[in-house]
């Protein structure tokens, strides 16, 4: 799903059409490596004729189109909330359905990308309120959306318009795309602004040994994504690079987003492009259309500090719907000469805190291909309906066991797809604002929790060290006090001075180990021997220390 933010106002529809139709499209060099058999771009609710989008692609209006011959029970409408920052094509008009309606597209059998474009504004001619839109979208036996409300979804994502991408296999020569207003909601209607259909090769099917079948994370078994599997794109990220327009994809017209908003935590790593003299060379086992060279030409790694890398993970977090299997596809390519040999960068891959791959070495995976050779890995993740989590965590961490030259990890591209359930459904609930807030709050809570644990741990360590130091000091003090208390009463200096008559020499009765021994008289005339330390000849200089050596 792709959503977009916007905040400005549109000019009138007529001016938009006049300007748009006068534009001659200009495209930079196209990097396409696949030529689709079908490439349908239909702007719904617009008159017949070519309308060019900002990327130069030509769209056809559906009025008078062979794809929608019976539109008399539908409404062609324009948005009342016009905004100049929203692309005029395909969002400037909409087709609204108050009853079930089917677009019929003649196509060749095979897998297709189906992309639906939505701008959930209030619509005029007549009036339709965006909050009342609620509908189901299906292709054959696959239900793509159910009771779908585009307004709730865009509001939850803090966006204005959006697109959804699906991949379905068509076994006949016709693709029927059906919109059905929800029966559960009063005054419900369906709408769509644009429809795109692009035929694709079997980029997911591992049943014919084209690709390795994806490993189910946490299990030792694999799962086949075959021609009967329908998929919905959750994210498609150009890791370490900028967003990639569909016209710069490898012929499948996929949009690749910047990955920076999905990075988790403070350890965001570093991004970099390929060295200027590195050429992306696809091996025979990987078709060029699997991902464009522009994706493999940028990367994000953990960074140059191996000590810091060993203490952290490089992690992406993506929100998903529980109750489905997900295909996670990771794209790798070593693109700098600093990592050009085996065992120079080796790392582990974790998905949802489970080990997906250990000791992964991109260079080794190329089977001798070396630097500039792309590879990709597929994994399957299950989110049961009972799962409390709504996020997929993809984490990389340096592998220690292999003792590589450097402790680092890198990634070039990330794709996540939802797989249909056993009944052919891909739909989930409408994402609400609260669910988005809760998901974001959970991520912040986890971050704050890690910080709090670190602070508490540091405080406890300080307290422990202080306790140990105190224990080492206190026994010596207690022994000294105990030894003094066991030797009887301790007299103050004035008492001893009075008892010995100011250390009168006539009262000396001998010499001890610490000095002269006096006879003293105190407490009613009782006589006690007292010994004075010769503080003038020894290190005991203070009267406090001196008094400690007088004993009754």
Protein backbone atom coordinates (compact mmCIF):
# COMPACT_ATOMS: atom_id res chain seq x y z
CA UNK A 1 0.00 0.00 0.00
CA UNK A 2 1.28 3.42 -0.91
CA UNK A 3 -0.07 6.59 0.68
CA UNK A 4 0.73 10.23 0.04
CA UNK A 5 0.60 13.46 2.00
CA UNK A 6 -0.72 16.74 0.69
CA UNK A 7 -1.83 20.13 2.00
CA UNK A 8 -2.44 22.61 -0.84
CA UNK A 9 -5.38 23.47 -3.15
CA UNK A 10 -6.25 22.44 -6.71
CA UNK A 11 -7.10 24.66 -9.66
CA UNK A 12 -10.38 23.88 -11.40
CA UNK A 13 -10.83 20.56 -13.18
CA UNK A 14 -11.25 22.14 -16.62
CA UNK A 15 -7.96 24.02 -16.31
CA UNK A 16 -6.24 20.86 -15.16
CA UNK A 17 -7.48 18.91 -18.15
CA UNK A 18 -6.51 21.66 -20.55
CA UNK A 19 -2.98 21.87 -19.17
CA UNK A 20 -2.54 18.14 -18.85
CA UNK A 21 -3.63 17.29 -22.37
CA UNK A 22 -1.31 19.93 -23.79
CA UNK A 23 1.77 18.40 -22.23
CA UNK A 24 4.04 16.34 -24.42
CA UNK A 25 5.50 13.61 -22.23
CA UNK A 26 9.26 13.47 -21.88
CA UNK A 27 10.96 10.55 -20.24
CA UNK A 28 14.54 10.15 -19.20
CA UNK A 29 16.32 7.02 -20.29
CA UNK A 30 14.13 4.09 -19.30
CA UNK A 31 15.86 1.26 -17.52
CA UNK A 32 13.21 -1.31 -18.49
CA UNK A 33 14.42 -4.85 -18.99
CA UNK A 34 10.95 -6.40 -19.37
CA UNK A 35 8.24 -5.51 -21.89
CA UNK A 36 4.77 -6.34 -20.52
CA UNK A 37 2.17 -7.86 -22.79
CA UNK A 38 -0.50 -5.63 -21.20
CA UNK A 39 0.00 -2.15 -19.83
CA UNK A 40 -3.39 -0.61 -19.02
CA UNK A 41 -3.74 2.83 -17.39
CA UNK A 42 -7.36 3.85 -16.86
CA UNK A 43 -8.36 7.15 -15.26
CA UNK A 44 -11.86 6.60 -13.93
CA UNK A 45 -14.61 9.19 -14.42
CA UNK A 46 -12.62 11.04 -17.11
CA UNK A 47 -13.60 11.46 -20.77
CA UNK A 48 -11.88 9.40 -23.43
CA UNK A 49 -8.53 10.58 -24.64
CA UNK A 50 -4.95 10.64 -23.42
CA UNK A 51 -4.05 12.31 -20.13
CA UNK A 52 -0.40 12.37 -19.12
CA UNK A 53 0.75 11.87 -15.54
CA UNK A 54 3.69 13.70 -13.98
CA UNK A 55 5.97 10.76 -14.85
CA UNK A 56 5.03 11.04 -18.53
CA UNK A 57 2.84 7.95 -18.74
CA UNK A 58 -0.40 8.27 -20.76
CA UNK A 59 -3.70 7.34 -19.12
CA UNK A 60 -7.04 6.76 -20.88
CA UNK A 61 -10.38 8.02 -19.61
CA UNK A 62 -12.99 5.34 -18.95
CA UNK A 63 -15.91 7.23 -20.51
CA UNK A 64 -16.58 5.43 -23.79
CA UNK A 65 -13.95 2.82 -22.94
CA UNK A 66 -14.34 -0.79 -23.96
CA UNK A 67 -13.35 -1.70 -20.39
CA UNK A 68 -16.54 -0.12 -18.99
CA UNK A 69 -19.28 -0.32 -21.62
CA UNK A 70 -22.21 -0.05 -19.18
CA UNK A 71 -21.51 2.99 -17.03
CA UNK A 72 -25.04 4.40 -17.08
CA UNK A 73 -25.64 3.21 -13.51
CA UNK A 74 -22.47 4.85 -12.26
CA UNK A 75 -21.45 8.45 -11.56
CA UNK A 76 -18.48 10.40 -12.90
CA UNK A 77 -17.43 12.87 -10.21
CA UNK A 78 -14.75 15.38 -9.27
CA UNK A 79 -13.39 15.98 -5.76
CA UNK A 80 -14.80 18.93 -3.83
CA UNK A 81 -11.61 19.12 -1.74
CA UNK A 82 -9.27 20.12 -4.56
CA UNK A 83 -5.56 20.29 -3.87
CA UNK A 84 -2.80 21.37 -6.26
CA UNK A 85 -0.19 19.12 -4.63
CA UNK A 86 -2.13 15.99 -5.53
CA UNK A 87 -1.18 14.51 -8.91
CA UNK A 88 -3.93 15.42 -11.34
CA UNK A 89 -3.65 12.04 -13.01
CA UNK A 90 -5.19 9.75 -11.93
CA UNK A 91 -6.75 11.53 -8.93
CA UNK A 92 -8.66 14.41 -10.56
CA UNK A 93 -11.80 12.37 -11.30
CA UNK A 94 -13.53 9.32 -9.86
CA UNK A 95 -16.01 6.68 -10.88
CA UNK A 96 -18.65 6.14 -8.16
CA UNK A 97 -20.77 2.99 -7.88
CA UNK A 98 -23.96 2.69 -5.84
CA UNK A 99 -24.52 -0.85 -7.06
CA UNK A 100 -22.25 -3.70 -8.07
CA UNK A 101 -20.11 -2.87 -11.09
CA UNK A 102 -17.48 -4.81 -13.06
CA UNK A 103 -14.68 -3.56 -15.28
CA UNK A 104 -13.76 -6.15 -17.91
CA UNK A 105 -10.20 -6.20 -19.24
CA UNK A 106 -9.15 -8.49 -22.11
CA UNK A 107 -5.74 -9.88 -21.17
CA UNK A 108 -3.52 -12.84 -21.86
CA UNK A 109 -3.31 -15.57 -19.22
CA UNK A 110 -0.64 -15.09 -16.57
CA UNK A 111 0.28 -13.03 -13.54
CA UNK A 112 -0.71 -9.35 -13.38
CA UNK A 113 -0.02 -6.40 -11.15
CA UNK A 114 -3.32 -4.66 -10.39
CA UNK A 115 -2.96 -1.19 -8.87
CA UNK A 116 -5.92 0.78 -7.54
CA UNK A 117 -5.74 4.52 -6.85
CA UNK A 118 -7.93 6.31 -4.30
CA UNK A 119 -8.45 9.95 -3.29
CA UNK A 120 -11.13 9.80 -0.51
CA UNK A 121 -12.52 13.29 -0.89
CA UNK A 122 -16.17 14.35 -0.81
CA UNK A 123 -17.44 14.22 -4.40
CA UNK A 124 -19.98 16.37 -6.23
CA UNK A 125 -22.47 15.69 -9.05
CA UNK A 126 -24.30 14.60 -6.90
CA UNK A 127 -22.89 14.80 -3.39
CA UNK A 128 -21.06 11.81 -1.97
CA UNK A 129 -19.46 11.97 1.48
CA UNK A 130 -16.13 10.20 1.79
CA UNK A 131 -17.03 8.73 5.18
CA UNK A 132 -19.86 6.77 3.54
CA UNK A 133 -17.60 4.96 1.13
CA UNK A 134 -17.45 1.29 2.06
CA UNK A 135 -17.02 -1.45 -0.48
CA UNK A 136 -15.55 -4.75 -1.59
CA UNK A 137 -13.17 -5.27 -4.52
CA UNK A 138 -12.68 -8.70 -6.05
CA UNK A 139 -11.03 -10.41 -9.00
CA UNK A 140 -12.53 -13.81 -9.71
CA UNK A 141 -12.36 -15.87 -6.53
CA UNK A 142 -9.97 -13.44 -4.80
CA UNK A 143 -11.31 -10.77 -2.47
CA UNK A 144 -8.81 -7.92 -2.47
CA UNK A 145 -10.68 -5.49 -0.21
CA UNK A 146 -13.80 -5.84 1.94
CA UNK A 147 -15.82 -3.11 3.66
CA UNK A 148 -12.92 -0.89 2.68
CA UNK A 149 -12.95 2.79 3.63
CA UNK A 150 -10.11 4.73 2.02
CA UNK A 151 -10.78 7.77 4.22
CA UNK A 152 -10.10 5.87 7.44
CA UNK A 153 -6.95 4.38 5.97
CA UNK A 154 -5.48 7.67 4.73
CA UNK A 155 -6.40 9.46 7.97
CA UNK A 156 -4.71 6.72 9.97
CA UNK A 157 -1.54 7.19 7.92
CA UNK A 158 -1.83 11.00 8.04
CA UNK A 159 -2.06 11.09 4.26
CA UNK A 160 -4.46 12.38 1.63
CA UNK A 161 -4.45 9.87 -1.22
CA UNK A 162 -3.22 6.32 -1.66
CA UNK A 163 -2.72 3.35 -3.92
CA UNK A 164 -2.90 -0.38 -3.37
CA UNK A 165 -1.00 -2.97 -5.39
CA UNK A 166 -2.01 -6.61 -5.85
CA UNK A 167 -0.55 -9.50 -7.83
CA UNK A 168 -2.97 -12.11 -9.15
CA UNK A 169 -2.70 -14.89 -11.70
CA UNK A 170 -5.31 -14.87 -14.48
CA UNK A 171 -6.07 -18.26 -16.03
CA UNK A 172 -8.40 -17.00 -18.78
CA UNK A 173 -8.34 -14.22 -21.37
CA UNK A 174 -10.40 -11.87 -19.22
CA UNK A 175 -9.72 -10.04 -15.96
CA UNK A 176 -12.94 -9.01 -14.21
CA UNK A 177 -12.49 -6.33 -11.54
CA UNK A 178 -15.67 -5.95 -9.47
CA UNK A 179 -16.65 -3.15 -7.04
CA UNK A 180 -19.52 -3.85 -4.64
CA UNK A 181 -20.87 -1.29 -2.11
CA UNK A 182 -21.17 -2.70 1.41
CA UNK A 183 -24.60 -3.90 2.43
CA UNK A 184 -23.83 -3.39 6.12
CA UNK A 185 -23.56 0.40 5.82
CA UNK A 186 -26.42 2.74 4.96
CA UNK A 187 -25.85 4.93 1.89
CA UNK A 188 -22.59 3.11 1.20
CA UNK A 189 -20.94 3.55 -2.17
CA UNK A 190 -17.80 2.38 -3.94
CA UNK A 191 -15.37 4.52 -5.89
CA UNK A 192 -12.02 4.40 -7.65
CA UNK A 193 -9.89 7.09 -9.26
CA UNK A 194 -7.49 5.02 -11.31
CA UNK A 195 -6.84 1.43 -12.36
CA UNK A 196 -3.51 0.09 -13.61
CA UNK A 197 -2.90 -3.42 -14.93
CA UNK A 198 0.58 -4.62 -15.92
CA UNK A 199 1.39 -8.17 -16.94
CA UNK A 200 4.41 -9.67 -15.20
CA UNK A 201 6.57 -12.76 -15.40
CA UNK A 202 6.35 -15.29 -12.58
CA UNK A 203 8.47 -13.31 -10.14
CA UNK A 204 7.20 -15.24 -7.10
CA UNK A 205 6.70 -18.78 -8.34
CA UNK A 206 9.29 -21.20 -7.01
CA UNK A 207 7.37 -24.33 -7.94
CA UNK A 208 9.10 -24.64 -11.31
CA UNK A 209 12.58 -24.24 -9.75
CA UNK A 210 12.93 -20.74 -11.18
CA UNK A 211 13.73 -19.50 -7.68
CA UNK A 212 14.45 -21.17 -4.37
CA UNK A 213 11.27 -21.81 -2.47
CA UNK A 214 11.06 -19.49 0.55
CA UNK A 215 11.95 -20.84 3.97
CA UNK A 216 9.33 -20.53 6.71
CA UNK A 217 11.01 -18.61 9.51
CA UNK A 218 11.19 -20.69 12.68
CA UNK A 219 10.69 -23.96 10.81
CA UNK A 220 12.90 -26.14 8.66
CA UNK A 221 10.29 -26.41 5.89
CA UNK A 222 9.61 -24.30 2.81
CA UNK A 223 6.41 -22.96 1.27
CA UNK A 224 5.49 -22.64 -2.38
CA UNK A 225 4.20 -19.33 -3.72
CA UNK A 226 2.62 -20.66 -6.87
CA UNK A 227 0.28 -19.48 -9.61
CA UNK A 228 -2.71 -19.87 -7.29
CA UNK A 229 -1.35 -17.40 -4.77
CA UNK A 230 -2.57 -13.81 -4.74
CA UNK A 231 -0.43 -11.18 -3.05
CA UNK A 232 -0.81 -7.64 -1.75
CA UNK A 233 2.25 -5.40 -1.60
CA UNK A 234 2.87 -4.09 1.93
CA UNK A 235 6.15 -2.25 1.31
CA UNK A 236 8.78 -2.04 -1.40
CA UNK A 237 11.90 -0.20 -0.25
CA UNK A 238 14.98 1.06 -2.02
CA UNK A 239 17.27 0.64 0.98
CA UNK A 240 19.91 3.32 1.27
CA UNK A 241 18.63 5.29 -1.71
CA UNK A 242 15.89 7.68 -2.77
CA UNK A 243 12.38 6.81 -3.89
CA UNK A 244 12.30 5.29 -7.38
CA UNK A 245 9.59 6.30 -9.85
CA UNK A 246 7.75 3.48 -11.66
CA UNK A 247 9.26 4.58 -14.98
CA UNK A 248 12.73 3.71 -13.63
CA UNK A 249 11.71 0.22 -12.60
CA UNK A 250 12.76 -2.75 -14.69
CA UNK A 251 9.63 -2.84 -16.86
CA UNK A 252 7.07 -3.76 -14.17
CA UNK A 253 6.34 -0.13 -13.18
CA UNK A 254 6.85 -0.72 -9.47
CA UNK A 255 7.38 2.24 -7.15
CA UNK A 256 10.25 1.84 -4.66
CA UNK A 257 10.13 3.97 -1.51
CA UNK A 258 12.89 5.44 0.61
CA UNK A 259 13.52 3.17 3.61
CA UNK A 260 14.46 5.84 6.18
CA UNK A 261 11.01 6.06 7.79
CA UNK A 262 11.06 2.34 8.56
CA UNK A 263 14.42 2.24 10.36
CA UNK A 264 14.05 1.43 14.06
CA UNK A 265 16.04 2.99 16.88
CA UNK A 266 19.12 5.17 16.92
CA UNK A 267 21.34 2.68 15.05
CA UNK A 268 20.33 3.84 11.57
CA UNK A 269 23.61 2.88 9.94
CA UNK A 270 25.10 4.64 6.92
CA UNK A 271 23.95 4.83 3.29
CA UNK A 272 26.17 4.80 0.23
CA UNK A 273 26.05 4.35 -3.56
CA UNK A 274 28.07 1.89 -5.59
CA UNK A 275 31.63 2.71 -6.54
CA UNK A 276 31.69 4.50 -9.89
CA UNK A 277 33.55 1.68 -11.62
CA UNK A 278 31.30 -1.10 -10.28
CA UNK A 279 28.81 -2.51 -12.78
CA UNK A 280 25.66 -4.36 -11.67
CA UNK A 281 25.88 -7.78 -13.36
CA UNK A 282 22.84 -10.07 -13.06
CA UNK A 283 23.73 -13.77 -12.90
CA UNK A 284 21.94 -16.30 -15.08
CA UNK A 285 19.91 -17.44 -12.07
CA UNK A 286 18.39 -14.00 -11.41
CA UNK A 287 16.38 -12.20 -14.11
CA UNK A 288 17.03 -8.49 -14.56
CA UNK A 289 13.42 -7.63 -13.80
CA UNK A 290 13.61 -9.00 -10.23
CA UNK A 291 14.69 -5.49 -9.15
CA UNK A 292 16.20 -2.58 -11.10
CA UNK A 293 19.89 -1.73 -11.06
CA UNK A 294 19.10 1.53 -9.25
CA UNK A 295 17.99 -0.51 -6.23
CA UNK A 296 21.07 -2.72 -6.21
CA UNK A 297 23.21 0.38 -6.74
CA UNK A 298 22.59 1.78 -3.24
CA UNK A 299 22.81 0.18 0.20
CA UNK A 300 22.57 0.78 3.94
CA UNK A 301 25.16 -0.80 6.23
CA UNK A 302 25.73 -0.65 9.97
CA UNK A 303 28.78 1.60 9.65
CA UNK A 304 32.56 1.61 10.11
CA UNK A 305 32.68 1.07 13.91
CA UNK A 306 32.88 -2.70 14.56
CA UNK A 307 32.56 -2.33 18.35
CA UNK A 308 29.37 -0.32 18.02
CA UNK A 309 28.03 -2.72 15.39
CA UNK A 310 28.44 -5.71 17.71
CA UNK A 311 26.27 -3.96 20.30
CA UNK A 312 23.40 -3.16 17.91
CA UNK A 313 21.15 -4.47 15.17
CA UNK A 314 20.24 -2.74 11.92
CA UNK A 315 16.44 -3.05 12.00
CA UNK A 316 13.42 -2.18 9.85
CA UNK A 317 9.89 -2.33 11.34
CA UNK A 318 6.80 -2.67 9.10
CA UNK A 319 3.19 -2.75 10.33
CA UNK A 320 1.06 -5.65 9.01
CA UNK A 321 -2.29 -7.37 9.60
CA UNK A 322 -2.39 -10.52 11.78
CA UNK A 323 -3.97 -13.64 10.34
CA UNK A 324 -1.89 -13.98 7.17
CA UNK A 325 1.34 -15.37 5.80
CA UNK A 326 3.84 -12.81 4.53
CA UNK A 327 6.57 -13.14 1.93
CA UNK A 328 9.69 -11.17 2.92
CA UNK A 329 12.16 -10.62 0.06
CA UNK A 330 15.62 -9.21 0.82
CA UNK A 331 17.89 -7.87 -1.95
CA UNK A 332 21.68 -7.82 -1.55
CA UNK A 333 24.64 -6.68 -3.63
CA UNK A 334 28.16 -5.75 -2.57
CA UNK A 335 28.87 -2.53 -4.46
CA UNK A 336 32.15 -1.17 -3.05
CA UNK A 337 35.66 -2.55 -3.41
CA UNK A 338 36.11 -2.41 0.37
CA UNK A 339 34.07 -5.65 0.44
CA UNK A 340 35.02 -7.72 -2.59
CA UNK A 341 36.05 -11.13 -1.22
CA UNK A 342 34.56 -13.95 0.81
CA UNK A 343 34.49 -13.52 4.61
CA UNK A 344 34.96 -9.76 4.49
CA UNK A 345 31.37 -9.08 5.62
CA UNK A 346 29.28 -11.86 7.17
CA UNK A 347 26.09 -11.37 9.15
CA UNK A 348 22.99 -13.04 10.57
CA UNK A 349 19.42 -12.24 9.51
CA UNK A 350 16.58 -12.18 12.03
CA UNK A 351 12.88 -11.79 11.33
CA UNK A 352 10.66 -11.17 14.35
CA UNK A 353 13.50 -12.18 16.69
CA UNK A 354 13.87 -15.58 14.99
CA UNK A 355 16.92 -16.59 13.01
CA UNK A 356 16.17 -16.56 9.29
CA UNK A 357 19.74 -17.03 8.01
CA UNK A 358 23.07 -17.50 9.76
CA UNK A 359 26.53 -16.49 8.57
CA UNK A 360 25.20 -14.91 5.37
CA UNK A 361 27.99 -13.77 3.06
CA UNK A 362 26.80 -11.86 -0.03
CA UNK A 363 30.01 -12.47 -1.97
CA UNK A 364 29.94 -16.18 -1.18
CA UNK A 365 26.28 -16.35 -2.23
CA UNK A 366 27.16 -15.12 -5.73
CA UNK A 367 29.04 -18.42 -6.31
CA UNK A 368 32.11 -16.71 -7.62
CA UNK A 369 30.35 -13.76 -9.21
CA UNK A 370 31.84 -11.34 -6.72
CA UNK A 371 31.29 -7.63 -6.42
CA UNK A 372 28.33 -6.06 -8.26
CA UNK A 373 26.37 -9.33 -8.53
CA UNK A 374 22.82 -9.20 -7.05
CA UNK A 375 21.30 -11.93 -4.90
CA UNK A 376 18.01 -12.14 -3.04
CA UNK A 377 16.49 -14.25 -0.28
CA UNK A 378 12.82 -15.11 0.30
CA UNK A 379 11.29 -15.96 3.68
CA UNK A 380 7.76 -16.73 4.86
CA UNK A 381 6.45 -15.27 8.13
CA UNK A 382 3.18 -16.31 9.77
CA UNK A 383 1.10 -13.91 11.85
CA UNK A 384 -1.73 -15.85 13.51
CA UNK A 385 -4.97 -14.06 14.36
CA UNK A 386 -4.08 -14.41 18.02
CA UNK A 387 -0.83 -12.50 17.57
CA UNK A 388 -0.59 -9.36 19.69
CA UNK A 389 2.10 -7.95 17.40
CA UNK A 390 1.25 -6.01 14.25
CA UNK A 391 4.82 -5.49 13.09
CA UNK A 392 7.39 -7.40 11.08
CA UNK A 393 10.91 -6.79 12.37
CA UNK A 394 13.78 -7.41 9.95
CA UNK A 395 17.15 -7.21 11.72
CA UNK A 396 20.76 -7.71 10.67
CA UNK A 397 23.67 -8.36 13.04
CA UNK A 398 27.35 -9.13 12.40
CA UNK A 399 28.27 -12.80 12.60
CA UNK A 400 31.05 -13.51 15.09
CA UNK A 401 31.52 -17.24 14.61
CA UNK A 402 32.91 -16.90 11.08
CA UNK A 403 35.51 -14.33 12.24
CA UNK A 404 35.08 -12.04 9.22
CA UNK A 405 37.46 -9.25 8.32
CA UNK A 406 34.98 -6.67 9.61
CA UNK A 407 31.86 -6.76 11.76
CA UNK A 408 29.13 -5.24 9.60
CA UNK A 409 25.88 -5.99 7.72
CA UNK A 410 24.19 -4.47 4.66
CA UNK A 411 20.95 -4.46 2.68
CA UNK A 412 19.96 -3.01 -0.73
CA UNK A 413 16.24 -3.66 -1.02
CA UNK A 414 13.29 -4.94 1.00
CA UNK A 415 9.86 -6.13 -0.17
CA UNK A 416 7.03 -7.54 1.94
CA UNK A 417 3.87 -9.11 0.49
CA UNK A 418 0.72 -10.39 2.16
CA UNK A 419 -0.46 -13.81 0.86
CA UNK A 420 -4.12 -14.72 0.49
CA UNK A 421 -5.67 -16.98 3.10
CA UNK A 422 -7.26 -20.38 2.44
CA UNK A 423 -10.49 -18.79 1.16
CA UNK A 424 -8.79 -16.45 -1.29
CA UNK A 425 -9.09 -13.37 0.90
CA UNK A 426 -6.52 -10.60 1.21
CA UNK A 427 -8.65 -8.10 3.09
CA UNK A 428 -8.27 -7.09 6.71
CA UNK A 429 -9.96 -4.47 8.88
CA UNK A 430 -9.75 -0.79 8.02
CA UNK A 431 -6.71 0.68 9.68
CA UNK A 432 -7.87 3.24 12.23
CA UNK A 433 -6.10 6.29 13.58
CA UNK A 434 -6.01 4.71 17.04
CA UNK A 435 -4.39 1.53 15.71
CA UNK A 436 -1.69 3.62 14.05
CA UNK A 437 -1.17 5.63 17.22
CA UNK A 438 -1.05 2.42 19.27
CA UNK A 439 1.49 0.89 16.90
CA UNK A 440 3.66 3.99 17.04
CA UNK A 441 3.22 4.17 20.81
CA UNK A 442 4.34 0.55 21.17
CA UNK A 443 7.51 1.33 19.23
CA UNK A 444 8.20 4.39 21.42
CA UNK A 445 7.45 2.42 24.59
CA UNK A 446 9.91 -0.28 23.51
CA UNK A 447 12.53 2.40 22.85
CA UNK A 448 11.97 4.09 26.21
CA UNK A 449 11.96 0.71 27.94
CA UNK A 450 15.38 -0.15 26.52
CA UNK A 451 16.71 3.24 27.67
CA UNK A 452 15.19 2.80 31.14
CA UNK A 453 16.66 -0.68 31.48
CA UNK A 454 20.08 0.70 30.55
CA UNK A 455 19.82 3.52 33.10
CA UNK A 456 18.56 1.23 35.86
CA UNK A 457 21.34 -1.25 35.08
CA UNK A 458 23.96 1.47 35.36
CA UNK A 459 22.55 2.68 38.69
CA UNK A 460 22.45 -0.85 40.08
CA UNK A 461 26.06 -1.40 39.00
CA UNK A 462 27.14 1.78 40.79
CA UNK A 463 25.26 0.75 43.93
CA UNK A 464 26.82 -2.71 43.80
CA UNK A 465 30.33 -1.29 43.52
CA UNK A 466 29.62 1.10 46.39
CA UNK A 467 28.30 -1.78 48.51
CA UNK A 468 31.44 -3.85 47.82
CA UNK A 469 33.68 -0.93 48.70
CA UNK A 470 31.72 -0.34 51.91
CA UNK A 471 31.99 -4.00 52.87
CA UNK A 472 35.76 -3.88 52.39
CA UNK A 473 36.08 -0.76 54.58
CA UNK A 474 33.65 -1.57 57.38
CA UNK A 475 35.25 -4.79 58.77
CA UNK A 476 38.55 -2.99 59.44
CA UNK A 477 36.75 -0.23 61.32
CA UNK A 478 34.63 -2.69 63.27
CA UNK A 479 37.68 -4.77 64.24
CA UNK A 480 39.41 -1.67 65.56
CA UNK A 481 36.35 -0.64 67.53
CA UNK A 482 35.87 -4.18 68.82
CA UNK A 483 39.50 -4.44 69.93
CA UNK A 484 39.23 -1.19 71.81
CA UNK A 485 35.95 -2.11 73.45
CA UNK A 486 37.33 -5.46 74.61
CA UNK A 487 40.19 -3.72 76.39
CA UNK A 488 37.96 -1.87 78.83
CA UNK A 489 36.96 1.70 79.36
CA UNK A 490 38.36 4.38 77.11
CA UNK A 491 39.15 7.60 78.99
CA UNK A 492 39.10 11.10 77.67
CA UNK A 493 42.29 13.12 77.61
CA UNK A 494 41.18 15.53 80.41
CA UNK A 495 40.32 12.53 82.64
CA UNK A 496 43.75 10.96 82.13
CA UNK A 497 45.50 14.30 82.60
CA UNK A 498 43.71 14.78 85.94
CA UNK A 499 44.34 11.20 87.09
CA UNK A 500 48.11 11.45 86.41
CA UNK A 501 48.35 14.99 87.71
CA UNK A 502 49.37 16.27 84.36
CA UNK A 503 51.70 13.29 83.77
CA UNK A 504 53.67 13.88 86.90
CA UNK A 505 56.99 12.06 86.75
CA UNK A 506 56.59 10.83 90.32
CA UNK A 507 53.72 8.64 89.14
CA UNK A 508 55.75 6.76 86.49
CA UNK A 509 55.83 3.06 87.34
CA UNK A 510 57.55 1.69 84.25
CA UNK A 511 58.04 1.84 80.48
CA UNK A 512 55.85 -0.08 78.05
CA UNK A 513 55.97 -0.78 74.32
CA UNK A 514 54.28 2.55 73.52
CA UNK A 515 55.90 4.76 76.18
CA UNK A 516 55.85 5.47 79.93
CA UNK A 517 53.37 3.77 82.25
CA UNK A 518 51.73 5.97 84.90
CA UNK A 519 49.78 5.22 87.97
CA UNK A 520 46.52 7.09 87.88
CA UNK A 521 43.75 7.77 90.35
CA UNK A 522 40.16 8.22 89.18
CA UNK A 523 36.52 7.49 90.10
CA UNK A 524 36.75 7.63 93.85
CA UNK A 525 40.42 6.85 94.27
CA UNK A 526 40.76 3.54 92.40
CA UNK A 527 44.27 3.08 90.96
CA UNK A 528 44.72 1.99 87.33
CA UNK A 529 47.88 1.65 85.21
CA UNK A 530 47.89 3.98 82.18
CA UNK A 531 50.26 4.01 79.25
CA UNK A 532 51.09 7.12 77.25
CA UNK A 533 52.25 6.97 73.65
CA UNK A 534 55.31 9.08 73.05
CA UNK A 535 53.72 11.16 70.36
CA UNK A 536 56.72 13.39 70.11
CA UNK A 537 58.87 10.52 68.88
CA UNK A 538 56.26 8.61 66.83
CA UNK A 539 53.90 9.28 63.90
CA UNK A 540 50.82 9.72 66.11
CA UNK A 541 50.50 13.47 66.14
CA UNK A 542 46.81 14.05 66.95
CA UNK A 543 45.37 13.96 70.42
CA UNK A 544 42.56 11.75 69.16
CA UNK A 545 44.99 9.08 68.02
CA UNK A 546 46.99 9.52 71.26
CA UNK A 547 44.00 8.90 73.51
CA UNK A 548 43.28 5.56 71.86
CA UNK A 549 46.36 4.12 73.51
CA UNK A 550 45.33 4.91 77.07
CA UNK A 551 43.74 1.90 78.66
CA UNK A 552 42.17 1.51 82.07
